[in-house]
Amino acid sequence: MAAIQAPHFTDEEAARKYLEVIRWPNGSVCPKCGSVEKPYTTEKPGVYRCSDKDCRSDFTVRARTARVDLRAVFNLRKTVRVG
């Protein structure tokens, strides 16, 4: 199977889930406060809300990455493919 045909390149959702497993192998971590408590899911796919009562920040797998500011240029599939 060619690398470009790998399952994590099939669509945005698959690419996001792939990046989440790589970045957070033991569960997500809030990039603002560092909380490892299970975050809340929001109505937006891939957007989480920190469960720490003093933080409650929204974040995604791209938070505090080199690619976060390039989202207008690269979609998640391209980020996975390039990164």
N, C-alpha and C. Protein backbone atom coordinates (compact mmCIF):
# COMPACT_ATOMS: atom_id res chain seq x y z
N MET A 1 0.84 -1.18 0.00
CA MET A 1 0.00 0.00 0.00
C MET A 1 0.89 1.25 0.00
N ALA A 2 0.62 2.14 -0.89
CA ALA A 2 1.37 3.39 -0.95
C ALA A 2 1.06 4.21 0.31
N ALA A 3 2.04 4.94 0.80
CA ALA A 3 1.87 5.71 2.03
C ALA A 3 0.70 6.68 1.94
N ILE A 4 0.49 7.26 0.78
CA ILE A 4 -0.58 8.23 0.61
C ILE A 4 -1.97 7.59 0.71
N GLN A 5 -2.04 6.26 0.57
CA GLN A 5 -3.31 5.56 0.67
C GLN A 5 -3.55 5.01 2.07
N ALA A 6 -2.67 5.30 3.00
CA ALA A 6 -2.83 4.84 4.38
C ALA A 6 -4.14 5.39 4.94
N PRO A 7 -4.78 4.65 5.84
CA PRO A 7 -6.09 5.05 6.36
C PRO A 7 -6.13 6.45 6.97
N HIS A 8 -5.02 6.91 7.57
CA HIS A 8 -5.06 8.23 8.20
C HIS A 8 -4.98 9.38 7.21
N PHE A 9 -4.90 9.07 5.92
CA PHE A 9 -4.94 10.12 4.91
C PHE A 9 -6.28 10.19 4.19
N THR A 10 -7.22 9.36 4.56
CA THR A 10 -8.47 9.27 3.81
C THR A 10 -9.37 10.49 3.94
N ASP A 11 -9.42 11.09 5.11
CA ASP A 11 -10.25 12.28 5.31
C ASP A 11 -9.77 13.06 6.54
N GLU A 12 -10.36 14.23 6.75
CA GLU A 12 -9.97 15.09 7.87
C GLU A 12 -10.15 14.41 9.21
N GLU A 13 -11.26 13.73 9.41
CA GLU A 13 -11.54 13.06 10.67
C GLU A 13 -10.50 11.99 10.98
N ALA A 14 -10.15 11.19 9.99
CA ALA A 14 -9.14 10.14 10.17
C ALA A 14 -7.78 10.76 10.47
N ALA A 15 -7.44 11.83 9.79
CA ALA A 15 -6.16 12.51 10.02
C ALA A 15 -6.10 13.08 11.43
N ARG A 16 -7.20 13.68 11.89
CA ARG A 16 -7.23 14.25 13.24
C ARG A 16 -7.07 13.16 14.29
N LYS A 17 -7.78 12.06 14.13
CA LYS A 17 -7.68 10.96 15.09
C LYS A 17 -6.27 10.37 15.11
N TYR A 18 -5.65 10.28 13.96
CA TYR A 18 -4.28 9.77 13.87
C TYR A 18 -3.32 10.68 14.63
N LEU A 19 -3.44 11.99 14.43
CA LEU A 19 -2.59 12.94 15.13
C LEU A 19 -2.82 12.91 16.64
N GLU A 20 -4.08 12.72 17.06
CA GLU A 20 -4.39 12.65 18.48
C GLU A 20 -3.71 11.45 19.14
N VAL A 21 -3.71 10.32 18.47
CA VAL A 21 -3.07 9.12 19.01
C VAL A 21 -1.55 9.32 19.12
N ILE A 22 -0.97 9.97 18.12
CA ILE A 22 0.47 10.22 18.14
C ILE A 22 0.84 11.24 19.23
N ARG A 23 0.09 12.33 19.28
CA ARG A 23 0.44 13.40 20.22
C ARG A 23 0.05 13.06 21.66
N TRP A 24 -1.07 12.38 21.83
CA TRP A 24 -1.58 12.08 23.17
C TRP A 24 -1.76 10.57 23.35
N PRO A 25 -0.70 9.79 23.38
CA PRO A 25 -0.85 8.33 23.51
C PRO A 25 -1.52 7.90 24.80
N ASN A 26 -1.44 8.72 25.85
CA ASN A 26 -2.06 8.39 27.14
C ASN A 26 -3.27 9.26 27.44
N GLY A 27 -3.84 9.88 26.42
CA GLY A 27 -4.98 10.77 26.61
C GLY A 27 -4.56 12.21 26.42
N SER A 28 -5.51 13.07 26.12
CA SER A 28 -5.21 14.46 25.81
C SER A 28 -4.72 15.23 27.03
N VAL A 29 -3.93 16.27 26.75
CA VAL A 29 -3.37 17.15 27.77
C VAL A 29 -3.70 18.57 27.35
N CYS A 30 -4.26 19.33 28.27
CA CYS A 30 -4.57 20.73 27.97
C CYS A 30 -3.27 21.49 27.75
N PRO A 31 -3.11 22.15 26.60
CA PRO A 31 -1.87 22.89 26.33
C PRO A 31 -1.72 24.16 27.17
N LYS A 32 -2.80 24.64 27.74
CA LYS A 32 -2.72 25.88 28.53
C LYS A 32 -2.33 25.60 29.98
N CYS A 33 -3.01 24.63 30.62
CA CYS A 33 -2.75 24.40 32.05
C CYS A 33 -2.07 23.07 32.34
N GLY A 34 -2.00 22.19 31.33
CA GLY A 34 -1.34 20.90 31.51
C GLY A 34 -2.19 19.83 32.15
N SER A 35 -3.48 20.10 32.33
CA SER A 35 -4.38 19.12 32.94
C SER A 35 -4.47 17.85 32.09
N VAL A 36 -4.43 16.71 32.76
CA VAL A 36 -4.56 15.43 32.06
C VAL A 36 -5.92 14.79 32.33
N GLU A 37 -6.77 15.52 33.03
CA GLU A 37 -8.13 15.03 33.26
C GLU A 37 -8.87 14.97 31.93
N LYS A 38 -9.77 14.03 31.80
CA LYS A 38 -10.51 13.86 30.54
C LYS A 38 -11.24 15.16 30.19
N PRO A 39 -10.96 15.70 29.00
CA PRO A 39 -11.61 16.95 28.61
C PRO A 39 -13.04 16.68 28.13
N TYR A 40 -13.82 17.74 28.09
CA TYR A 40 -15.16 17.66 27.53
C TYR A 40 -15.05 17.75 26.02
N THR A 41 -15.93 17.08 25.31
CA THR A 41 -15.99 17.28 23.86
C THR A 41 -16.97 18.43 23.61
N THR A 42 -16.74 19.15 22.55
CA THR A 42 -17.64 20.25 22.18
C THR A 42 -18.43 19.82 20.96
N GLU A 43 -19.30 20.69 20.49
CA GLU A 43 -20.08 20.38 19.30
C GLU A 43 -19.23 20.38 18.03
N LYS A 44 -18.09 21.04 18.09
CA LYS A 44 -17.19 21.09 16.93
C LYS A 44 -16.29 19.87 16.95
N PRO A 45 -16.21 19.13 15.86
CA PRO A 45 -15.35 17.94 15.82
C PRO A 45 -13.88 18.30 16.07
N GLY A 46 -13.25 17.56 16.98
CA GLY A 46 -11.84 17.77 17.25
C GLY A 46 -11.53 18.90 18.20
N VAL A 47 -12.54 19.59 18.71
CA VAL A 47 -12.33 20.67 19.67
C VAL A 47 -12.73 20.16 21.05
N TYR A 48 -11.82 20.29 22.00
CA TYR A 48 -12.04 19.81 23.35
C TYR A 48 -12.01 20.98 24.32
N ARG A 49 -12.66 20.82 25.48
CA ARG A 49 -12.66 21.84 26.51
C ARG A 49 -12.03 21.24 27.77
N CYS A 50 -11.04 21.93 28.30
CA CYS A 50 -10.35 21.48 29.50
C CYS A 50 -11.36 21.30 30.64
N SER A 51 -11.22 20.22 31.39
CA SER A 51 -12.15 19.96 32.48
C SER A 51 -11.71 20.59 33.80
N ASP A 52 -10.53 21.23 33.83
CA ASP A 52 -10.07 21.90 35.04
C ASP A 52 -10.94 23.14 35.26
N LYS A 53 -11.53 23.24 36.45
CA LYS A 53 -12.48 24.33 36.71
C LYS A 53 -11.87 25.72 36.62
N ASP A 54 -10.56 25.83 36.78
CA ASP A 54 -9.91 27.14 36.68
C ASP A 54 -9.43 27.47 35.27
N CYS A 55 -9.52 26.52 34.36
CA CYS A 55 -9.00 26.73 33.00
C CYS A 55 -10.14 26.79 31.98
N ARG A 56 -10.76 25.67 31.72
CA ARG A 56 -11.88 25.55 30.77
C ARG A 56 -11.54 26.05 29.36
N SER A 57 -10.28 25.99 28.97
CA SER A 57 -9.86 26.43 27.63
C SER A 57 -10.26 25.42 26.58
N ASP A 58 -10.60 25.90 25.41
CA ASP A 58 -10.83 25.03 24.26
C ASP A 58 -9.49 24.78 23.58
N PHE A 59 -9.30 23.55 23.07
CA PHE A 59 -8.06 23.24 22.38
C PHE A 59 -8.28 22.12 21.37
N THR A 60 -7.34 22.00 20.44
CA THR A 60 -7.36 20.95 19.43
C THR A 60 -6.00 20.26 19.42
N VAL A 61 -5.89 19.22 18.63
CA VAL A 61 -4.62 18.50 18.52
C VAL A 61 -3.53 19.40 17.94
N ARG A 62 -3.90 20.43 17.22
CA ARG A 62 -2.92 21.33 16.63
C ARG A 62 -2.44 22.43 17.57
N ALA A 63 -3.04 22.56 18.74
CA ALA A 63 -2.66 23.63 19.67
C ALA A 63 -1.18 23.54 20.02
N ARG A 64 -0.51 24.68 19.93
CA ARG A 64 0.91 24.79 20.25
C ARG A 64 1.79 23.86 19.42
N THR A 65 1.49 23.78 18.14
CA THR A 65 2.34 23.04 17.22
C THR A 65 2.86 24.00 16.16
N ALA A 66 3.86 23.57 15.43
CA ALA A 66 4.41 24.41 14.36
C ALA A 66 3.38 24.65 13.27
N ARG A 67 2.44 23.74 13.11
CA ARG A 67 1.47 23.83 12.02
C ARG A 67 0.21 24.60 12.38
N VAL A 68 0.02 24.97 13.62
CA VAL A 68 -1.23 25.60 14.01
C VAL A 68 -1.51 26.87 13.23
N ASP A 69 -0.49 27.66 12.91
CA ASP A 69 -0.70 28.90 12.19
C ASP A 69 -0.79 28.71 10.68
N LEU A 70 -0.60 27.52 10.21
CA LEU A 70 -0.66 27.25 8.78
C LEU A 70 -1.97 26.60 8.35
N ARG A 71 -2.95 26.59 9.24
CA ARG A 71 -4.18 25.87 8.93
C ARG A 71 -4.91 26.41 7.70
N ALA A 72 -4.68 27.65 7.34
CA ALA A 72 -5.29 28.18 6.13
C ALA A 72 -4.63 27.60 4.88
N VAL A 73 -3.40 27.17 5.02
CA VAL A 73 -2.66 26.63 3.89
C VAL A 73 -2.73 25.10 3.85
N PHE A 74 -2.57 24.47 5.01
CA PHE A 74 -2.54 23.02 5.10
C PHE A 74 -3.78 22.51 5.82
N ASN A 75 -4.45 21.53 5.25
CA ASN A 75 -5.49 20.87 6.03
C ASN A 75 -4.84 19.73 6.78
N LEU A 76 -5.56 19.05 7.63
CA LEU A 76 -4.97 18.00 8.47
C LEU A 76 -4.33 16.89 7.66
N ARG A 77 -4.93 16.50 6.56
CA ARG A 77 -4.34 15.42 5.77
C ARG A 77 -2.97 15.81 5.25
N LYS A 78 -2.84 17.05 4.82
CA LYS A 78 -1.54 17.51 4.34
C LYS A 78 -0.56 17.63 5.49
N THR A 79 -1.04 18.04 6.67
CA THR A 79 -0.17 18.15 7.83
C THR A 79 0.39 16.78 8.19
N VAL A 80 -0.44 15.77 8.19
CA VAL A 80 0.01 14.41 8.49
C VAL A 80 0.98 13.94 7.42
N ARG A 81 0.67 14.19 6.18
CA ARG A 81 1.50 13.73 5.06
C ARG A 81 2.86 14.41 5.08
N VAL A 82 2.91 15.72 5.38
CA VAL A 82 4.16 16.46 5.38
C VAL A 82 4.94 16.20 6.65
N GLY A 83 4.25 16.18 7.79
CA GLY A 83 4.89 16.07 9.10
C GLY A 83 5.39 14.73 9.35
